[in-house]
C-alpha cells in the first residue's frame, strides 16, 4: 500500500490507533518543527529556553532520580508480594501441623496472621 504525498511533499502517515501513539506522533512533529525553527533562527525564546533546560546537567540528574524512584517502587512492590507469599506459607504450615497433630480445622475457620 503506497502512501500519498501531500502538497508539501511529505508522506501521509497512517492515523494513530491509540491515544499514546497519537501523543508520540504529535510530540515528534513538535520536535521536528522546533528543530527546524532553531536551525532557521526563527525559534522563539520559549523554544530555545525549553531545549536549553532539557539539555542541562540538572535535567539529566532529575531524570536519573526519577528512574531510580521508579526502580525503588518496583522493588518495594516485589517485597510486599514476597511478604504475602511468606504469610501464605506460614498459614499452610500451621494448617499442616494441626492436621498432623490430629486437629482438623473447621472448613470455615481461618487463621489470623499478624
PDB file of N, CA and C in Angstrom:
ATOM      1  N   UNK A   1       0.850  -1.172   0.000  1.00  0.00           N
ATOM      2  CA  UNK A   1       0.000   0.000   0.000  1.00  0.00           C
ATOM      3  C   UNK A   1       0.898   1.238   0.000  1.00  0.00           C
ATOM      4  N   UNK A   2       0.814   2.005  -1.060  1.00  0.00           N
ATOM      5  CA  UNK A   2       1.627   3.211  -1.184  1.00  0.00           C
ATOM      6  C   UNK A   2       0.979   4.344  -0.395  1.00  0.00           C
ATOM      7  N   UNK A   3       1.819   5.193   0.142  1.00  0.00           N
ATOM      8  CA  UNK A   3       1.319   6.343   0.883  1.00  0.00           C
ATOM      9  C   UNK A   3       1.230   7.536  -0.060  1.00  0.00           C
ATOM     10  N   UNK A   4       0.190   8.309   0.072  1.00  0.00           N
ATOM     11  CA  UNK A   4       0.025   9.500  -0.754  1.00  0.00           C
ATOM     12  C   UNK A   4       0.977  10.584  -0.273  1.00  0.00           C
ATOM     13  N   UNK A   5       1.350  11.453  -1.202  1.00  0.00           N
ATOM     14  CA  UNK A   5       2.170  12.603  -0.836  1.00  0.00           C
ATOM     15  C   UNK A   5       1.258  13.819  -0.716  1.00  0.00           C
ATOM     16  N   UNK A   6       1.530  14.631   0.303  1.00  0.00           N
ATOM     17  CA  UNK A   6       0.763  15.859   0.498  1.00  0.00           C
ATOM     18  C   UNK A   6       1.344  16.957  -0.374  1.00  0.00           C
ATOM     19  N   UNK A   7       0.763  18.131  -0.339  1.00  0.00           N
ATOM     20  CA  UNK A   7       1.220  19.261  -1.165  1.00  0.00           C
ATOM     21  C   UNK A   7       2.676  19.617  -0.925  1.00  0.00           C
ATOM     22  N   UNK A   8       3.107  19.544   0.344  1.00  0.00           N
ATOM     23  CA  UNK A   8       4.488  19.957   0.652  1.00  0.00           C
ATOM     24  C   UNK A   8       5.498  18.828   0.441  1.00  0.00           C
ATOM     25  N   UNK A   9       5.063  17.706  -0.114  1.00  0.00           N
ATOM     26  CA  UNK A   9       5.978  16.627  -0.444  1.00  0.00           C
ATOM     27  C   UNK A   9       6.183  15.597   0.650  1.00  0.00           C
ATOM     28  N   UNK A  10       5.622  15.825   1.832  1.00  0.00           N
ATOM     29  CA  UNK A  10       5.744  14.853   2.915  1.00  0.00           C
ATOM     30  C   UNK A  10       4.764  13.711   2.695  1.00  0.00           C
ATOM     31  N   UNK A  11       5.132  12.571   3.203  1.00  0.00           N
ATOM     32  CA  UNK A  11       4.239  11.416   3.093  1.00  0.00           C
ATOM     33  C   UNK A  11       3.179  11.491   4.169  1.00  0.00           C
ATOM     34  N   UNK A  12       1.991  11.055   3.812  1.00  0.00           N
ATOM     35  CA  UNK A  12       0.899  10.991   4.772  1.00  0.00           C
ATOM     36  C   UNK A  12       1.077   9.743   5.625  1.00  0.00           C
ATOM     37  N   UNK A  13       0.913   9.888   6.911  1.00  0.00           N
ATOM     38  CA  UNK A  13       1.072   8.753   7.820  1.00  0.00           C
ATOM     39  C   UNK A  13      -0.275   8.107   8.103  1.00  0.00           C
ATOM     40  N   UNK A  14      -0.216   6.837   8.453  1.00  0.00           N
ATOM     41  CA  UNK A  14      -1.417   6.140   8.883  1.00  0.00           C
ATOM     42  C   UNK A  14      -1.818   6.725  10.227  1.00  0.00           C
ATOM     43  N   UNK A  15      -3.112   7.030  10.429  1.00  0.00           N
ATOM     44  CA  UNK A  15      -3.528   7.632  11.707  1.00  0.00           C
ATOM     45  C   UNK A  15      -3.194   6.725  12.893  1.00  0.00           C
ATOM     46  N   UNK A  16      -2.837   7.346  13.984  1.00  0.00           N
ATOM     47  CA  UNK A  16      -2.523   6.601  15.206  1.00  0.00           C
ATOM     48  C   UNK A  16      -3.768   5.864  15.682  1.00  0.00           C
ATOM     49  N   UNK A  17      -3.555   4.688  16.233  1.00  0.00           N
ATOM     50  CA  UNK A  17      -4.682   3.862  16.677  1.00  0.00           C
ATOM     51  C   UNK A  17      -4.983   3.990  18.162  1.00  0.00           C
ATOM     52  N   UNK A  18      -4.030   4.557  18.911  1.00  0.00           N
ATOM     53  CA  UNK A  18      -4.224   4.721  20.354  1.00  0.00           C
ATOM     54  C   UNK A  18      -3.882   6.151  20.747  1.00  0.00           C
ATOM     55  N   UNK A  19      -4.418   6.605  21.883  1.00  0.00           N
ATOM     56  CA  UNK A  19      -4.058   7.947  22.354  1.00  0.00           C
ATOM     57  C   UNK A  19      -2.555   8.085  22.600  1.00  0.00           C
ATOM     58  N   UNK A  20      -1.911   7.024  23.079  1.00  0.00           N
ATOM     59  CA  UNK A  20      -0.477   7.075  23.344  1.00  0.00           C
ATOM     60  C   UNK A  20       0.306   7.247  22.049  1.00  0.00           C
ATOM     61  N   UNK A  21      -0.109   6.524  21.008  1.00  0.00           N
ATOM     62  CA  UNK A  21       0.561   6.639  19.715  1.00  0.00           C
ATOM     63  C   UNK A  21       0.353   8.036  19.132  1.00  0.00           C
ATOM     64  N   UNK A  22      -0.839   8.580  19.314  1.00  0.00           N
ATOM     65  CA  UNK A  22      -1.120   9.930  18.820  1.00  0.00           C
ATOM     66  C   UNK A  22      -0.249  10.953  19.542  1.00  0.00           C
ATOM     67  N   UNK A  23      -0.103  10.789  20.848  1.00  0.00           N
ATOM     68  CA  UNK A  23       0.736  11.699  21.620  1.00  0.00           C
ATOM     69  C   UNK A  23       2.179  11.653  21.127  1.00  0.00           C
ATOM     70  N   UNK A  24       2.688  10.453  20.873  1.00  0.00           N
ATOM     71  CA  UNK A  24       4.049  10.316  20.357  1.00  0.00           C
ATOM     72  C   UNK A  24       4.184  10.955  18.982  1.00  0.00           C
ATOM     73  N   UNK A  25       3.162  10.790  18.176  1.00  0.00           N
ATOM     74  CA  UNK A  25       3.148  11.369  16.837  1.00  0.00           C
ATOM     75  C   UNK A  25       3.233  12.902  16.904  1.00  0.00           C
ATOM     76  N   UNK A  26       2.394  13.493  17.746  1.00  0.00           N
ATOM     77  CA  UNK A  26       2.376  14.949  17.883  1.00  0.00           C
ATOM     78  C   UNK A  26       3.663  15.472  18.505  1.00  0.00           C
ATOM     79  N   UNK A  27       4.182  14.742  19.472  1.00  0.00           N
ATOM     80  CA  UNK A  27       5.438  15.135  20.115  1.00  0.00           C
ATOM     81  C   UNK A  27       6.573  15.126  19.092  1.00  0.00           C
ATOM     82  N   UNK A  28       6.604  14.110  18.282  1.00  0.00           N
ATOM     83  CA  UNK A  28       7.635  14.010  17.248  1.00  0.00           C
ATOM     84  C   UNK A  28       7.527  15.172  16.269  1.00  0.00           C
ATOM     85  N   UNK A  29       6.315  15.503  15.871  1.00  0.00           N
ATOM     86  CA  UNK A  29       6.108  16.628  14.950  1.00  0.00           C
ATOM     87  C   UNK A  29       6.549  17.945  15.590  1.00  0.00           C
ATOM     88  N   UNK A  30       6.251  18.120  16.868  1.00  0.00           N
ATOM     89  CA  UNK A  30       6.643  19.343  17.569  1.00  0.00           C
ATOM     90  C   UNK A  30       8.162  19.456  17.658  1.00  0.00           C
ATOM     91  N   UNK A  31       8.837  18.343  17.932  1.00  0.00           N
ATOM     92  CA  UNK A  31      10.299  18.364  17.993  1.00  0.00           C
ATOM     93  C   UNK A  31      10.886  18.677  16.619  1.00  0.00           C
ATOM     94  N   UNK A  32      10.299  18.095  15.570  1.00  0.00           N
ATOM     95  CA  UNK A  32      10.778  18.386  14.213  1.00  0.00           C
ATOM     96  C   UNK A  32      10.640  19.871  13.897  1.00  0.00           C
ATOM     97  N   UNK A  33       9.490  20.452  14.247  1.00  0.00           N
ATOM     98  CA  UNK A  33       9.252  21.870  13.985  1.00  0.00           C
ATOM     99  C   UNK A  33      10.218  22.735  14.791  1.00  0.00           C
ATOM    100  N   UNK A  34      10.414  22.394  16.061  1.00  0.00           N
ATOM    101  CA  UNK A  34      11.331  23.160  16.906  1.00  0.00           C
ATOM    102  C   UNK A  34      12.746  23.094  16.346  1.00  0.00           C
ATOM    103  N   UNK A  35      13.159  21.922  15.904  1.00  0.00           N
ATOM    104  CA  UNK A  35      14.496  21.779  15.334  1.00  0.00           C
ATOM    105  C   UNK A  35      14.638  22.655  14.082  1.00  0.00           C
ATOM    106  N   UNK A  36      13.630  22.628  13.244  1.00  0.00           N
ATOM    107  CA  UNK A  36      13.647  23.449  12.034  1.00  0.00           C
ATOM    108  C   UNK A  36      13.731  24.943  12.378  1.00  0.00           C
ATOM    109  N   UNK A  37      12.949  25.373  13.366  1.00  0.00           N
ATOM    110  CA  UNK A  37      12.958  26.777  13.770  1.00  0.00           C
ATOM    111  C   UNK A  37      14.318  27.180  14.348  1.00  0.00           C
ATOM    112  N   UNK A  38      14.912  26.320  15.137  1.00  0.00           N
ATOM    113  CA  UNK A  38      16.225  26.623  15.725  1.00  0.00           C
ATOM    114  C   UNK A  38      17.273  26.742  14.620  1.00  0.00           C
ATOM    115  N   UNK A  39      17.239  25.814  13.666  1.00  0.00           N
ATOM    116  CA  UNK A  39      18.216  25.854  12.570  1.00  0.00           C
ATOM    117  C   UNK A  39      18.030  27.082  11.682  1.00  0.00           C
ATOM    118  N   UNK A  40      16.779  27.514  11.504  1.00  0.00           N
ATOM    119  CA  UNK A  40      16.494  28.681  10.664  1.00  0.00           C
ATOM    120  C   UNK A  40      16.670  30.001  11.404  1.00  0.00           C
ATOM    121  N   UNK A  41      16.836  29.926  12.713  1.00  0.00           N
ATOM    122  CA  UNK A  41      16.975  31.138  13.502  1.00  0.00           C
ATOM    123  C   UNK A  41      15.647  31.826  13.780  1.00  0.00           C
ATOM    124  N   UNK A  42      14.544  31.098  13.640  1.00  0.00           N
ATOM    125  CA  UNK A  42      13.219  31.687  13.861  1.00  0.00           C
ATOM    126  C   UNK A  42      12.555  31.188  15.140  1.00  0.00           C
ATOM    127  N   UNK A  43      13.276  30.428  15.958  1.00  0.00           N
ATOM    128  CA  UNK A  43      12.697  29.860  17.179  1.00  0.00           C
ATOM    129  C   UNK A  43      12.439  30.955  18.205  1.00  0.00           C
ATOM    130  N   UNK A  44      11.325  30.827  18.916  1.00  0.00           N
ATOM    131  CA  UNK A  44      11.003  31.784  19.971  1.00  0.00           C
ATOM    132  C   UNK A  44      11.925  31.561  21.167  1.00  0.00           C
ATOM    133  N   UNK A  45      11.955  32.547  22.040  1.00  0.00           N
ATOM    134  CA  UNK A  45      12.795  32.415  23.235  1.00  0.00           C
ATOM    135  C   UNK A  45      12.309  31.263  24.110  1.00  0.00           C
ATOM    136  N   UNK A  46      10.996  31.000  24.098  1.00  0.00           N
ATOM    137  CA  UNK A  46      10.456  29.888  24.896  1.00  0.00           C
ATOM    138  C   UNK A  46      10.974  28.545  24.373  1.00  0.00           C
ATOM    139  N   UNK A  47      11.024  28.390  23.052  1.00  0.00           N
ATOM    140  CA  UNK A  47      11.513  27.136  22.461  1.00  0.00           C
ATOM    141  C   UNK A  47      12.990  26.952  22.797  1.00  0.00           C
ATOM    142  N   UNK A  48      13.760  28.001  22.641  1.00  0.00           N
ATOM    143  CA  UNK A  48      15.196  27.922  22.939  1.00  0.00           C
ATOM    144  C   UNK A  48      15.423  27.609  24.414  1.00  0.00           C
ATOM    145  N   UNK A  49      14.697  28.292  25.290  1.00  0.00           N
ATOM    146  CA  UNK A  49      14.829  28.050  26.730  1.00  0.00           C
ATOM    147  C   UNK A  49      14.452  26.611  27.084  1.00  0.00           C
ATOM    148  N   UNK A  50      13.391  26.107  26.468  1.00  0.00           N
ATOM    149  CA  UNK A  50      12.969  24.722  26.731  1.00  0.00           C
ATOM    150  C   UNK A  50      14.105  23.744  26.440  1.00  0.00           C
ATOM    151  N   UNK A  51      14.726  23.881  25.283  1.00  0.00           N
ATOM    152  CA  UNK A  51      15.774  22.938  24.906  1.00  0.00           C
ATOM    153  C   UNK A  51      17.068  23.161  25.680  1.00  0.00           C
ATOM    154  N   UNK A  52      17.327  24.380  26.085  1.00  0.00           N
ATOM    155  CA  UNK A  52      18.480  24.615  26.951  1.00  0.00           C
ATOM    156  C   UNK A  52      18.294  23.902  28.293  1.00  0.00           C
ATOM    157  N   UNK A  53      17.089  24.025  28.849  1.00  0.00           N
ATOM    158  CA  UNK A  53      16.812  23.346  30.120  1.00  0.00           C
ATOM    159  C   UNK A  53      16.828  21.834  29.950  1.00  0.00           C
ATOM    160  N   UNK A  54      16.232  21.347  28.853  1.00  0.00           N
ATOM    161  CA  UNK A  54      16.148  19.903  28.616  1.00  0.00           C
ATOM    162  C   UNK A  54      17.531  19.282  28.484  1.00  0.00           C
ATOM    163  N   UNK A  55      18.496  20.036  27.964  1.00  0.00           N
ATOM    164  CA  UNK A  55      19.838  19.514  27.771  1.00  0.00           C
ATOM    165  C   UNK A  55      20.779  19.763  28.928  1.00  0.00           C
ATOM    166  N   UNK A  56      20.277  20.341  30.010  1.00  0.00           N
ATOM    167  CA  UNK A  56      21.156  20.690  31.126  1.00  0.00           C
ATOM    168  C   UNK A  56      21.494  19.476  31.987  1.00  0.00           C
ATOM    169  N   UNK A  57      22.588  19.600  32.724  1.00  0.00           N
ATOM    170  CA  UNK A  57      23.013  18.546  33.648  1.00  0.00           C
ATOM    171  C   UNK A  57      21.955  18.327  34.715  1.00  0.00           C
ATOM    172  N   UNK A  58      21.364  19.408  35.192  1.00  0.00           N
ATOM    173  CA  UNK A  58      20.335  19.297  36.219  1.00  0.00           C
ATOM    174  C   UNK A  58      19.155  18.450  35.728  1.00  0.00           C
ATOM    175  N   UNK A  59      18.734  18.660  34.500  1.00  0.00           N
ATOM    176  CA  UNK A  59      17.621  17.892  33.943  1.00  0.00           C
ATOM    177  C   UNK A  59      17.988  16.418  33.825  1.00  0.00           C
ATOM    178  N   UNK A  60      19.202  16.150  33.384  1.00  0.00           N
ATOM    179  CA  UNK A  60      19.631  14.747  33.273  1.00  0.00           C
ATOM    180  C   UNK A  60      19.645  14.073  34.648  1.00  0.00           C
ATOM    181  N   UNK A  61      20.126  14.804  35.659  1.00  0.00           N
ATOM    182  CA  UNK A  61      20.145  14.244  37.016  1.00  0.00           C
ATOM    183  C   UNK A  61      18.723  14.021  37.532  1.00  0.00           C
ATOM    184  N   UNK A  62      17.831  14.938  37.230  1.00  0.00           N
ATOM    185  CA  UNK A  62      16.434  14.804  37.641  1.00  0.00           C
ATOM    186  C   UNK A  62      15.788  13.579  36.980  1.00  0.00           C
ATOM    187  N   UNK A  63      16.080  13.367  35.710  1.00  0.00           N
ATOM    188  CA  UNK A  63      15.557  12.202  35.009  1.00  0.00           C
ATOM    189  C   UNK A  63      16.103  10.917  35.628  1.00  0.00           C
ATOM    190  N   UNK A  64      17.388  10.932  35.966  1.00  0.00           N
ATOM    191  CA  UNK A  64      18.005   9.763  36.594  1.00  0.00           C
ATOM    192  C   UNK A  64      17.382   9.493  37.960  1.00  0.00           C
ATOM    193  N   UNK A  65      17.122  10.560  38.729  1.00  0.00           N
ATOM    194  CA  UNK A  65      16.488  10.413  40.042  1.00  0.00           C
ATOM    195  C   UNK A  65      15.102   9.787  39.904  1.00  0.00           C
ATOM    196  N   UNK A  66      14.347  10.240  38.919  1.00  0.00           N
ATOM    197  CA  UNK A  66      13.004   9.687  38.716  1.00  0.00           C
ATOM    198  C   UNK A  66      13.066   8.212  38.320  1.00  0.00           C
ATOM    199  N   UNK A  67      14.051   7.857  37.493  1.00  0.00           N
ATOM    200  CA  UNK A  67      14.207   6.447  37.115  1.00  0.00           C
ATOM    201  C   UNK A  67      14.514   5.593  38.343  1.00  0.00           C
ATOM    202  N   UNK A  68      15.379   6.102  39.230  1.00  0.00           N
ATOM    203  CA  UNK A  68      15.720   5.352  40.444  1.00  0.00           C
ATOM    204  C   UNK A  68      14.511   5.237  41.375  1.00  0.00           C
ATOM    205  N   UNK A  69      13.703   6.282  41.447  1.00  0.00           N
ATOM    206  CA  UNK A  69      12.496   6.210  42.271  1.00  0.00           C
ATOM    207  C   UNK A  69      11.538   5.151  41.750  1.00  0.00           C
ATOM    208  N   UNK A  70      11.420   5.045  40.441  1.00  0.00           N
ATOM    209  CA  UNK A  70      10.556   4.028  39.841  1.00  0.00           C
ATOM    210  C   UNK A  70      11.091   2.637  40.165  1.00  0.00           C
ATOM    211  N   UNK A  71      12.412   2.460  40.041  1.00  0.00           N
ATOM    212  CA  UNK A  71      13.027   1.175  40.390  1.00  0.00           C
ATOM    213  C   UNK A  71      12.779   0.832  41.851  1.00  0.00           C
ATOM    214  N   UNK A  72      12.916   1.823  42.738  1.00  0.00           N
ATOM    215  CA  UNK A  72      12.694   1.604  44.162  1.00  0.00           C
ATOM    216  C   UNK A  72      11.252   1.185  44.440  1.00  0.00           C
ATOM    217  N   UNK A  73      10.311   1.848  43.791  1.00  0.00           N
ATOM    218  CA  UNK A  73       8.904   1.470  43.978  1.00  0.00           C
ATOM    219  C   UNK A  73       8.655   0.047  43.501  1.00  0.00           C
ATOM    220  N   UNK A  74       9.296  -0.360  42.409  1.00  0.00           N
ATOM    221  CA  UNK A  74       9.143  -1.726  41.906  1.00  0.00           C
ATOM    222  C   UNK A  74       9.703  -2.728  42.905  1.00  0.00           C
ATOM    223  N   UNK A  75      10.863  -2.420  43.499  1.00  0.00           N
ATOM    224  CA  UNK A  75      11.463  -3.314  44.496  1.00  0.00           C
ATOM    225  C   UNK A  75      10.551  -3.428  45.714  1.00  0.00           C
ATOM    226  N   UNK A  76       9.992  -2.300  46.161  1.00  0.00           N
ATOM    227  CA  UNK A  76       9.078  -2.327  47.306  1.00  0.00           C
ATOM    228  C   UNK A  76       7.851  -3.176  47.001  1.00  0.00           C
ATOM    229  N   UNK A  77       7.333  -3.052  45.798  1.00  0.00           N
ATOM    230  CA  UNK A  77       6.169  -3.845  45.389  1.00  0.00           C
ATOM    231  C   UNK A  77       6.503  -5.337  45.428  1.00  0.00           C
ATOM    232  N   UNK A  78       7.685  -5.685  44.909  1.00  0.00           N
ATOM    233  CA  UNK A  78       8.108  -7.087  44.918  1.00  0.00           C
ATOM    234  C   UNK A  78       8.286  -7.600  46.341  1.00  0.00           C
ATOM    235  N   UNK A  79       8.803  -6.751  47.240  1.00  0.00           N
ATOM    236  CA  UNK A  79       8.976  -7.156  48.631  1.00  0.00           C
ATOM    237  C   UNK A  79       7.628  -7.416  49.287  1.00  0.00           C
ATOM    238  N   UNK A  80       6.652  -6.556  49.031  1.00  0.00           N
ATOM    239  CA  UNK A  80       5.320  -6.753  49.603  1.00  0.00           C
ATOM    240  C   UNK A  80       4.684  -8.037  49.085  1.00  0.00           C
ATOM    241  N   UNK A  81       4.879  -8.308  47.804  1.00  0.00           N
ATOM    242  CA  UNK A  81       4.354  -9.549  47.243  1.00  0.00           C
ATOM    243  C   UNK A  81       5.044 -10.757  47.869  1.00  0.00           C
ATOM    244  N   UNK A  82       6.353 -10.634  48.126  1.00  0.00           N
ATOM    245  CA  UNK A  82       7.101 -11.710  48.771  1.00  0.00           C
ATOM    246  C   UNK A  82       6.626 -11.940  50.196  1.00  0.00           C
ATOM    247  N   UNK A  83       6.352 -10.853  50.926  1.00  0.00           N
ATOM    248  CA  UNK A  83       5.836 -10.981  52.294  1.00  0.00           C
ATOM    249  C   UNK A  83       4.487 -11.691  52.295  1.00  0.00           C
ATOM    250  N   UNK A  84       3.659 -11.359  51.331  1.00  0.00           N
ATOM    251  CA  UNK A  84       2.347 -12.003  51.242  1.00  0.00           C
ATOM    252  C   UNK A  84       2.511 -13.503  51.006  1.00  0.00           C
ATOM    253  N   UNK A  85       3.447 -13.871  50.154  1.00  0.00           N
ATOM    254  CA  UNK A  85       3.698 -15.290  49.870  1.00  0.00           C
ATOM    255  C   UNK A  85       4.214 -16.001  51.120  1.00  0.00           C
ATOM    256  N   UNK A  86       5.096 -15.359  51.895  1.00  0.00           N
ATOM    257  CA  UNK A  86       5.615 -15.958  53.131  1.00  0.00           C
ATOM    258  C   UNK A  86       4.474 -16.171  54.120  1.00  0.00           C
ATOM    259  N   UNK A  87       3.576 -15.187  54.235  1.00  0.00           N
ATOM    260  CA  UNK A  87       2.427 -15.330  55.130  1.00  0.00           C
ATOM    261  C   UNK A  87       1.558 -16.506  54.708  1.00  0.00           C
ATOM    262  N   UNK A  88       1.371 -16.666  53.413  1.00  0.00           N
ATOM    263  CA  UNK A  88       0.583 -17.795  52.914  1.00  0.00           C
ATOM    264  C   UNK A  88       1.262 -19.118  53.259  1.00  0.00           C
ATOM    265  N   UNK A  89       2.583 -19.165  53.160  1.00  0.00           N
ATOM    266  CA  UNK A  89       3.317 -20.380  53.505  1.00  0.00           C
ATOM    267  C   UNK A  89       3.200 -20.695  54.996  1.00  0.00           C
ATOM    268  N   UNK A  90       3.260 -19.649  55.855  1.00  0.00           N
ATOM    269  CA  UNK A  90       3.080 -19.864  57.293  1.00  0.00           C
ATOM    270  C   UNK A  90       1.703 -20.439  57.591  1.00  0.00           C
ATOM    271  N   UNK A  91       0.685 -19.905  56.955  1.00  0.00           N
ATOM    272  CA  UNK A  91      -0.675 -20.405  57.171  1.00  0.00           C
ATOM    273  C   UNK A  91      -0.755 -21.863  56.756  1.00  0.00           C
ATOM    274  N   UNK A  92      -0.176 -22.184  55.601  1.00  0.00           N
ATOM    275  CA  UNK A  92      -0.184 -23.576  55.132  1.00  0.00           C
ATOM    276  C   UNK A  92       0.562 -24.481  56.101  1.00  0.00           C
ATOM    277  N   UNK A  93       1.702 -24.003  56.620  1.00  0.00           N
ATOM    278  CA  UNK A  93       2.484 -24.809  57.560  1.00  0.00           C
ATOM    279  C   UNK A  93       1.707 -25.045  58.850  1.00  0.00           C
ATOM    280  N   UNK A  94       1.046 -24.002  59.359  1.00  0.00           N
ATOM    281  CA  UNK A  94       0.259 -24.160  60.578  1.00  0.00           C
ATOM    282  C   UNK A  94      -0.910 -25.126  60.360  1.00  0.00           C
ATOM    283  N   UNK A  95      -1.546 -25.036  59.217  1.00  0.00           N
ATOM    284  CA  UNK A  95      -2.637 -25.967  58.923  1.00  0.00           C
ATOM    285  C   UNK A  95      -2.126 -27.396  58.835  1.00  0.00           C
ATOM    286  N   UNK A  96      -0.948 -27.564  58.234  1.00  0.00           N
ATOM    287  CA  UNK A  96      -0.364 -28.903  58.131  1.00  0.00           C
ATOM    288  C   UNK A  96      -0.027 -29.450  59.516  1.00  0.00           C
ATOM    289  N   UNK A  97       0.540 -28.605  60.392  1.00  0.00           N
ATOM    290  CA  UNK A  97       0.873 -29.056  61.746  1.00  0.00           C
ATOM    291  C   UNK A  97      -0.380 -29.439  62.520  1.00  0.00           C
ATOM    292  N   UNK A  98      -1.447 -28.670  62.336  1.00  0.00           N
ATOM    293  CA  UNK A  98      -2.707 -29.015  63.004  1.00  0.00           C
ATOM    294  C   UNK A  98      -3.213 -30.365  62.528  1.00  0.00           C
ATOM    295  N   UNK A  99      -3.154 -30.600  61.230  1.00  0.00           N
ATOM    296  CA  UNK A  99      -3.673 -31.872  60.722  1.00  0.00           C
ATOM    297  C   UNK A  99      -2.802 -33.037  61.168  1.00  0.00           C
ATOM    298  N   UNK A 100      -1.479 -32.824  61.290  1.00  0.00           N
ATOM    299  CA  UNK A 100      -0.587 -33.887  61.754  1.00  0.00           C
ATOM    300  C   UNK A 100      -0.842 -34.217  63.214  1.00  0.00           C
ATOM    301  N   UNK A 101      -1.256 -33.227  63.996  1.00  0.00           N
ATOM    302  CA  UNK A 101      -1.471 -33.476  65.414  1.00  0.00           C
ATOM    303  C   UNK A 101      -2.882 -33.994  65.686  1.00  0.00           C
ATOM    304  N   UNK A 102      -3.661 -34.192  64.637  1.00  0.00           N
ATOM    305  CA  UNK A 102      -4.986 -34.777  64.815  1.00  0.00           C
ATOM    306  C   UNK A 102      -6.099 -33.762  64.908  1.00  0.00           C
ATOM    307  N   UNK A 103      -5.818 -32.521  64.828  1.00  0.00           N
ATOM    308  CA  UNK A 103      -6.849 -31.491  64.876  1.00  0.00           C
ATOM    309  C   UNK A 103      -7.147 -31.022  63.455  1.00  0.00           C
ATOM    310  N   UNK A 104      -8.307 -31.343  63.003  1.00  0.00           N
ATOM    311  CA  UNK A 104      -8.720 -30.890  61.680  1.00  0.00           C
ATOM    312  C   UNK A 104      -9.347 -29.503  61.816  1.00  0.00           C
ATOM    313  N   UNK A 105      -8.876 -28.540  61.054  1.00  0.00           N
ATOM    314  CA  UNK A 105      -9.505 -27.219  61.125  1.00  0.00           C
ATOM    315  C   UNK A 105     -10.909 -27.264  60.531  1.00  0.00           C
ATOM    316  N   UNK A 106     -11.778 -26.477  61.101  1.00  0.00           N
ATOM    317  CA  UNK A 106     -13.134 -26.393  60.563  1.00  0.00           C
ATOM    318  C   UNK A 106     -13.059 -25.810  59.161  1.00  0.00           C
ATOM    319  N   UNK A 107     -13.966 -26.186  58.249  1.00  0.00           N
ATOM    320  CA  UNK A 107     -13.894 -25.706  56.875  1.00  0.00           C
ATOM    321  C   UNK A 107     -13.926 -24.181  56.755  1.00  0.00           C
ATOM    322  N   UNK A 108     -14.653 -23.489  57.652  1.00  0.00           N
ATOM    323  CA  UNK A 108     -14.738 -22.043  57.552  1.00  0.00           C
ATOM    324  C   UNK A 108     -13.802 -21.335  58.521  1.00  0.00           C
ATOM    325  N   UNK A 109     -12.968 -22.085  59.236  1.00  0.00           N
ATOM    326  CA  UNK A 109     -12.038 -21.491  60.184  1.00  0.00           C
ATOM    327  C   UNK A 109     -10.848 -20.891  59.444  1.00  0.00           C
ATOM    328  N   UNK A 110     -10.499 -19.667  59.795  1.00  0.00           N
ATOM    329  CA  UNK A 110      -9.362 -19.004  59.180  1.00  0.00           C
ATOM    330  C   UNK A 110      -8.352 -18.658  60.256  1.00  0.00           C
ATOM    331  N   UNK A 111      -7.089 -18.852  59.939  1.00  0.00           N
ATOM    332  CA  UNK A 111      -6.034 -18.466  60.863  1.00  0.00           C
ATOM    333  C   UNK A 111      -5.779 -16.983  60.711  1.00  0.00           C
ATOM    334  N   UNK A 112      -5.665 -16.293  61.816  1.00  0.00           N
ATOM    335  CA  UNK A 112      -5.372 -14.862  61.770  1.00  0.00           C
ATOM    336  C   UNK A 112      -3.879 -14.684  61.781  1.00  0.00           C
ATOM    337  N   UNK A 113      -3.417 -13.790  60.902  1.00  0.00           N
ATOM    338  CA  UNK A 113      -1.983 -13.503  60.849  1.00  0.00           C
ATOM    339  C   UNK A 113      -1.750 -12.102  61.360  1.00  0.00           C
ATOM    340  N   UNK A 114      -0.551 -11.910  61.898  1.00  0.00           N
ATOM    341  CA  UNK A 114      -0.051 -10.658  62.236  1.00  0.00           C
ATOM    342  C   UNK A 114      -0.535  -9.830  63.259  1.00  0.00           C
TER     343      UNK A 114
END
